[in-house]
Amino acid sequence: MSSNPQQQSNKLFYRIGEVGRLSGLEAYVLRYWESEFPQLKPNKGKSGQRLYSKKELDTVLQIKQLLYKEGYTISGARKKMNGKGDREVLESVIETAKKDLREILEILK
């Protein structure tokens, strides 16, 4: 019997197998990511089973996006998750805005 995705999103905790199914990742990948990303520290139940919070599930999906879709390395994704590496993006946005403003000034002259 398969559970409704809406019910899944209302759960407080997810077992590693559930996180694997929801994210499309194998359990060994999730365990490895726990060692690489400090944001992933699932609690362990009485039986020792990993219990991921909704926030940690969202973090897993964000890491997957960075690694598999955006092409980041583990190190790059870790920096991005820690808020580092955004400086280059911000500098690029500022330079683009400056260029656009210069062009607007030329048009207005």
N, C-alpha and C. Protein backbone atom coordinates (compact mmCIF):
# COMPACT_ATOMS: atom_id res chain seq x y z
N MET A 1 0.84 -1.17 0.00
CA MET A 1 0.00 0.00 0.00
C MET A 1 0.89 1.23 0.00
N SER A 2 0.75 2.07 -1.02
CA SER A 2 1.60 3.25 -1.12
C SER A 2 0.94 4.42 -0.43
N SER A 3 1.77 5.25 0.22
CA SER A 3 1.20 6.36 0.97
C SER A 3 1.07 7.60 0.08
N ASN A 4 0.15 8.42 0.46
CA ASN A 4 -0.14 9.64 -0.25
C ASN A 4 0.99 10.64 -0.04
N PRO A 5 1.50 11.30 -1.12
CA PRO A 5 2.58 12.28 -0.95
C PRO A 5 2.19 13.42 -0.01
N GLN A 6 0.90 13.79 0.02
CA GLN A 6 0.46 14.86 0.91
C GLN A 6 0.64 14.43 2.36
N GLN A 7 0.36 13.15 2.65
CA GLN A 7 0.57 12.65 4.02
C GLN A 7 2.05 12.68 4.36
N GLN A 8 2.90 12.36 3.40
CA GLN A 8 4.33 12.34 3.64
C GLN A 8 4.82 13.71 4.09
N SER A 9 4.32 14.78 3.46
CA SER A 9 4.81 16.11 3.78
C SER A 9 4.38 16.57 5.17
N ASN A 10 3.40 15.90 5.77
CA ASN A 10 2.92 16.29 7.09
C ASN A 10 3.61 15.52 8.21
N LYS A 11 4.49 14.62 7.87
CA LYS A 11 5.18 13.82 8.89
C LYS A 11 6.24 14.66 9.60
N LEU A 12 6.48 14.32 10.86
CA LEU A 12 7.53 15.01 11.61
C LEU A 12 8.90 14.43 11.28
N PHE A 13 8.98 13.11 11.13
CA PHE A 13 10.25 12.46 10.87
C PHE A 13 10.11 11.42 9.76
N TYR A 14 11.21 11.23 9.05
CA TYR A 14 11.25 10.27 7.95
C TYR A 14 12.40 9.31 8.18
N ARG A 15 12.16 8.04 7.97
CA ARG A 15 13.25 7.06 8.05
C ARG A 15 14.11 7.19 6.80
N ILE A 16 15.32 6.67 6.86
CA ILE A 16 16.26 6.82 5.76
C ILE A 16 15.69 6.21 4.46
N GLY A 17 14.96 5.12 4.58
CA GLY A 17 14.36 4.52 3.39
C GLY A 17 13.32 5.43 2.75
N GLU A 18 12.55 6.12 3.59
CA GLU A 18 11.55 7.06 3.07
C GLU A 18 12.22 8.25 2.39
N VAL A 19 13.28 8.75 3.00
CA VAL A 19 14.03 9.86 2.40
C VAL A 19 14.61 9.41 1.07
N GLY A 20 15.11 8.19 1.03
CA GLY A 20 15.65 7.64 -0.21
C GLY A 20 14.60 7.58 -1.30
N ARG A 21 13.41 7.10 -0.96
CA ARG A 21 12.33 7.02 -1.96
C ARG A 21 11.89 8.41 -2.42
N LEU A 22 11.75 9.33 -1.48
CA LEU A 22 11.29 10.68 -1.82
C LEU A 22 12.33 11.45 -2.63
N SER A 23 13.60 11.18 -2.39
CA SER A 23 14.67 11.92 -3.07
C SER A 23 15.23 11.19 -4.28
N GLY A 24 14.94 9.90 -4.37
CA GLY A 24 15.50 9.11 -5.46
C GLY A 24 16.96 8.76 -5.24
N LEU A 25 17.38 8.73 -3.98
CA LEU A 25 18.78 8.43 -3.64
C LEU A 25 18.86 7.14 -2.83
N GLU A 26 19.99 6.49 -2.94
CA GLU A 26 20.26 5.28 -2.16
C GLU A 26 20.65 5.67 -0.73
N ALA A 27 20.39 4.77 0.20
CA ALA A 27 20.70 5.03 1.62
C ALA A 27 22.19 5.30 1.82
N TYR A 28 23.06 4.59 1.09
CA TYR A 28 24.49 4.80 1.29
C TYR A 28 24.91 6.21 0.86
N VAL A 29 24.23 6.79 -0.13
CA VAL A 29 24.51 8.17 -0.55
C VAL A 29 24.11 9.12 0.57
N LEU A 30 22.95 8.91 1.16
CA LEU A 30 22.50 9.75 2.27
C LEU A 30 23.45 9.66 3.45
N ARG A 31 23.91 8.46 3.76
CA ARG A 31 24.86 8.30 4.88
C ARG A 31 26.17 9.03 4.57
N TYR A 32 26.63 8.94 3.33
CA TYR A 32 27.86 9.64 2.94
C TYR A 32 27.67 11.15 3.06
N TRP A 33 26.55 11.66 2.59
CA TRP A 33 26.29 13.09 2.66
C TRP A 33 26.26 13.57 4.11
N GLU A 34 25.82 12.72 5.03
CA GLU A 34 25.83 13.09 6.45
C GLU A 34 27.25 13.41 6.90
N SER A 35 28.23 12.71 6.34
CA SER A 35 29.62 12.96 6.72
C SER A 35 30.18 14.20 6.04
N GLU A 36 29.58 14.64 4.95
CA GLU A 36 30.09 15.78 4.19
C GLU A 36 29.37 17.10 4.45
N PHE A 37 28.13 17.03 4.88
CA PHE A 37 27.32 18.23 5.07
C PHE A 37 26.86 18.32 6.53
N PRO A 38 27.37 19.28 7.29
CA PRO A 38 27.01 19.38 8.70
C PRO A 38 25.52 19.65 8.93
N GLN A 39 24.82 20.11 7.89
CA GLN A 39 23.38 20.37 8.04
C GLN A 39 22.58 19.07 8.18
N LEU A 40 23.17 17.96 7.77
CA LEU A 40 22.49 16.67 7.85
C LEU A 40 22.96 15.90 9.07
N LYS A 41 22.21 16.00 10.11
CA LYS A 41 22.50 15.26 11.35
C LYS A 41 21.20 14.66 11.86
N PRO A 42 20.72 13.61 11.19
CA PRO A 42 19.45 13.03 11.63
C PRO A 42 19.58 12.43 13.03
N ASN A 43 18.50 12.56 13.78
CA ASN A 43 18.45 11.92 15.09
C ASN A 43 18.35 10.43 14.87
N LYS A 44 18.68 9.69 15.90
CA LYS A 44 18.53 8.24 15.82
C LYS A 44 17.50 7.82 16.85
N GLY A 45 16.57 6.99 16.40
CA GLY A 45 15.53 6.48 17.29
C GLY A 45 16.10 5.45 18.25
N LYS A 46 15.24 4.91 19.09
CA LYS A 46 15.67 3.91 20.07
C LYS A 46 16.31 2.71 19.42
N SER A 47 15.84 2.38 18.21
CA SER A 47 16.39 1.22 17.51
C SER A 47 17.65 1.56 16.71
N GLY A 48 18.08 2.83 16.75
CA GLY A 48 19.26 3.24 16.01
C GLY A 48 18.94 3.69 14.59
N GLN A 49 17.67 3.64 14.21
CA GLN A 49 17.24 4.05 12.87
C GLN A 49 17.37 5.57 12.73
N ARG A 50 17.92 6.02 11.61
CA ARG A 50 18.03 7.45 11.36
C ARG A 50 16.65 8.04 11.14
N LEU A 51 16.39 9.18 11.77
CA LEU A 51 15.11 9.87 11.63
C LEU A 51 15.39 11.29 11.15
N TYR A 52 15.06 11.55 9.89
CA TYR A 52 15.28 12.86 9.27
C TYR A 52 14.07 13.76 9.52
N SER A 53 14.33 15.02 9.86
CA SER A 53 13.25 16.00 10.00
C SER A 53 12.85 16.50 8.60
N LYS A 54 11.74 17.22 8.53
CA LYS A 54 11.31 17.80 7.26
C LYS A 54 12.39 18.74 6.73
N LYS A 55 13.02 19.50 7.62
CA LYS A 55 14.09 20.43 7.22
C LYS A 55 15.27 19.66 6.61
N GLU A 56 15.61 18.52 7.22
CA GLU A 56 16.71 17.72 6.69
C GLU A 56 16.34 17.10 5.35
N LEU A 57 15.09 16.70 5.19
CA LEU A 57 14.63 16.20 3.89
C LEU A 57 14.77 17.29 2.83
N ASP A 58 14.37 18.51 3.18
CA ASP A 58 14.51 19.63 2.24
C ASP A 58 15.99 19.88 1.92
N THR A 59 16.85 19.74 2.92
CA THR A 59 18.28 19.91 2.72
C THR A 59 18.82 18.85 1.77
N VAL A 60 18.38 17.61 1.92
CA VAL A 60 18.80 16.53 1.01
C VAL A 60 18.42 16.90 -0.42
N LEU A 61 17.20 17.39 -0.61
CA LEU A 61 16.75 17.75 -1.96
C LEU A 61 17.54 18.92 -2.51
N GLN A 62 17.91 19.85 -1.64
CA GLN A 62 18.72 20.99 -2.08
C GLN A 62 20.12 20.54 -2.47
N ILE A 63 20.72 19.66 -1.70
CA ILE A 63 22.06 19.14 -2.02
C ILE A 63 22.00 18.38 -3.34
N LYS A 64 20.98 17.56 -3.51
CA LYS A 64 20.83 16.81 -4.77
C LYS A 64 20.75 17.77 -5.95
N GLN A 65 19.99 18.85 -5.81
CA GLN A 65 19.87 19.86 -6.87
C GLN A 65 21.24 20.45 -7.20
N LEU A 66 21.99 20.83 -6.17
CA LEU A 66 23.31 21.43 -6.39
C LEU A 66 24.27 20.47 -7.08
N LEU A 67 24.28 19.22 -6.63
CA LEU A 67 25.24 18.26 -7.17
C LEU A 67 24.84 17.73 -8.54
N TYR A 68 23.60 17.32 -8.68
CA TYR A 68 23.18 16.60 -9.88
C TYR A 68 22.66 17.51 -10.98
N LYS A 69 22.04 18.62 -10.63
CA LYS A 69 21.45 19.50 -11.65
C LYS A 69 22.35 20.68 -11.98
N GLU A 70 22.95 21.27 -10.93
CA GLU A 70 23.75 22.47 -11.14
C GLU A 70 25.24 22.19 -11.31
N GLY A 71 25.65 20.94 -11.09
CA GLY A 71 27.02 20.54 -11.36
C GLY A 71 28.06 20.93 -10.32
N TYR A 72 27.65 21.24 -9.12
CA TYR A 72 28.61 21.56 -8.06
C TYR A 72 29.36 20.31 -7.63
N THR A 73 30.58 20.51 -7.15
CA THR A 73 31.31 19.42 -6.49
C THR A 73 30.79 19.35 -5.06
N ILE A 74 31.18 18.30 -4.34
CA ILE A 74 30.80 18.19 -2.92
C ILE A 74 31.31 19.42 -2.16
N SER A 75 32.56 19.79 -2.40
CA SER A 75 33.14 20.95 -1.72
C SER A 75 32.40 22.23 -2.08
N GLY A 76 32.10 22.41 -3.35
CA GLY A 76 31.38 23.60 -3.79
C GLY A 76 29.98 23.65 -3.22
N ALA A 77 29.31 22.52 -3.20
CA ALA A 77 27.95 22.46 -2.64
C ALA A 77 27.98 22.75 -1.14
N ARG A 78 29.01 22.23 -0.45
CA ARG A 78 29.14 22.49 0.99
C ARG A 78 29.30 23.99 1.23
N LYS A 79 30.15 24.64 0.42
CA LYS A 79 30.35 26.09 0.57
C LYS A 79 29.06 26.84 0.28
N LYS A 80 28.37 26.42 -0.77
CA LYS A 80 27.10 27.06 -1.13
C LYS A 80 26.09 26.91 0.00
N MET A 81 26.03 25.72 0.59
CA MET A 81 25.09 25.47 1.69
C MET A 81 25.46 26.30 2.93
N ASN A 82 26.74 26.62 3.08
CA ASN A 82 27.18 27.42 4.22
C ASN A 82 27.10 28.91 3.92
N GLY A 83 26.59 29.27 2.73
CA GLY A 83 26.46 30.67 2.37
C GLY A 83 27.70 31.28 1.77
N LYS A 84 28.75 30.48 1.62
CA LYS A 84 29.96 30.97 0.99
C LYS A 84 29.81 30.75 -0.51
N GLY A 85 30.54 31.50 -1.29
CA GLY A 85 30.44 31.34 -2.73
C GLY A 85 29.38 32.25 -3.33
N ASP A 86 28.52 32.81 -2.49
CA ASP A 86 27.49 33.72 -2.98
C ASP A 86 28.10 35.08 -3.33
N ARG A 87 29.28 35.34 -2.80
CA ARG A 87 29.91 36.64 -3.06
C ARG A 87 30.14 36.85 -4.55
N GLU A 88 30.61 35.80 -5.24
CA GLU A 88 30.86 35.91 -6.67
C GLU A 88 29.57 36.22 -7.43
N VAL A 89 28.49 35.58 -7.03
CA VAL A 89 27.19 35.82 -7.66
C VAL A 89 26.76 37.25 -7.42
N LEU A 90 26.90 37.72 -6.19
CA LEU A 90 26.52 39.08 -5.84
C LEU A 90 27.36 40.09 -6.63
N GLU A 91 28.66 39.86 -6.72
CA GLU A 91 29.52 40.77 -7.47
C GLU A 91 29.12 40.81 -8.94
N SER A 92 28.76 39.68 -9.50
CA SER A 92 28.31 39.62 -10.89
C SER A 92 27.02 40.41 -11.09
N VAL A 93 26.09 40.27 -10.17
CA VAL A 93 24.82 41.00 -10.24
C VAL A 93 25.08 42.50 -10.17
N ILE A 94 25.98 42.92 -9.28
CA ILE A 94 26.31 44.34 -9.13
C ILE A 94 26.95 44.88 -10.41
N GLU A 95 27.89 44.12 -10.99
CA GLU A 95 28.53 44.56 -12.23
C GLU A 95 27.52 44.68 -13.36
N THR A 96 26.61 43.74 -13.46
CA THR A 96 25.57 43.80 -14.49
C THR A 96 24.68 45.02 -14.28
N ALA A 97 24.32 45.29 -13.05
CA ALA A 97 23.49 46.45 -12.74
C ALA A 97 24.21 47.75 -13.09
N LYS A 98 25.50 47.82 -12.78
CA LYS A 98 26.29 49.01 -13.13
C LYS A 98 26.32 49.23 -14.64
N LYS A 99 26.54 48.15 -15.37
CA LYS A 99 26.57 48.22 -16.83
C LYS A 99 25.23 48.71 -17.37
N ASP A 100 24.15 48.15 -16.85
CA ASP A 100 22.81 48.55 -17.28
C ASP A 100 22.55 50.02 -16.98
N LEU A 101 22.98 50.48 -15.81
CA LEU A 101 22.79 51.88 -15.45
C LEU A 101 23.60 52.81 -16.36
N ARG A 102 24.82 52.39 -16.71
CA ARG A 102 25.63 53.20 -17.64
C ARG A 102 24.94 53.31 -18.99
N GLU A 103 24.36 52.19 -19.45
CA GLU A 103 23.65 52.21 -20.73
C GLU A 103 22.43 53.13 -20.66
N ILE A 104 21.73 53.11 -19.56
CA ILE A 104 20.55 53.98 -19.40
C ILE A 104 20.99 55.45 -19.40
N LEU A 105 22.10 55.74 -18.72
CA LEU A 105 22.62 57.12 -18.70
C LEU A 105 22.98 57.58 -20.11
N GLU A 106 23.59 56.71 -20.90
CA GLU A 106 23.95 57.06 -22.29
C GLU A 106 22.69 57.35 -23.10
N ILE A 107 21.66 56.59 -22.90
CA ILE A 107 20.40 56.79 -23.63
C ILE A 107 19.78 58.13 -23.24
N LEU A 108 19.86 58.47 -21.96
CA LEU A 108 19.26 59.70 -21.46
C LEU A 108 20.01 60.96 -21.86
N LYS A 109 21.29 60.82 -22.26
CA LYS A 109 22.11 61.99 -22.64
C LYS A 109 21.65 62.60 -23.93
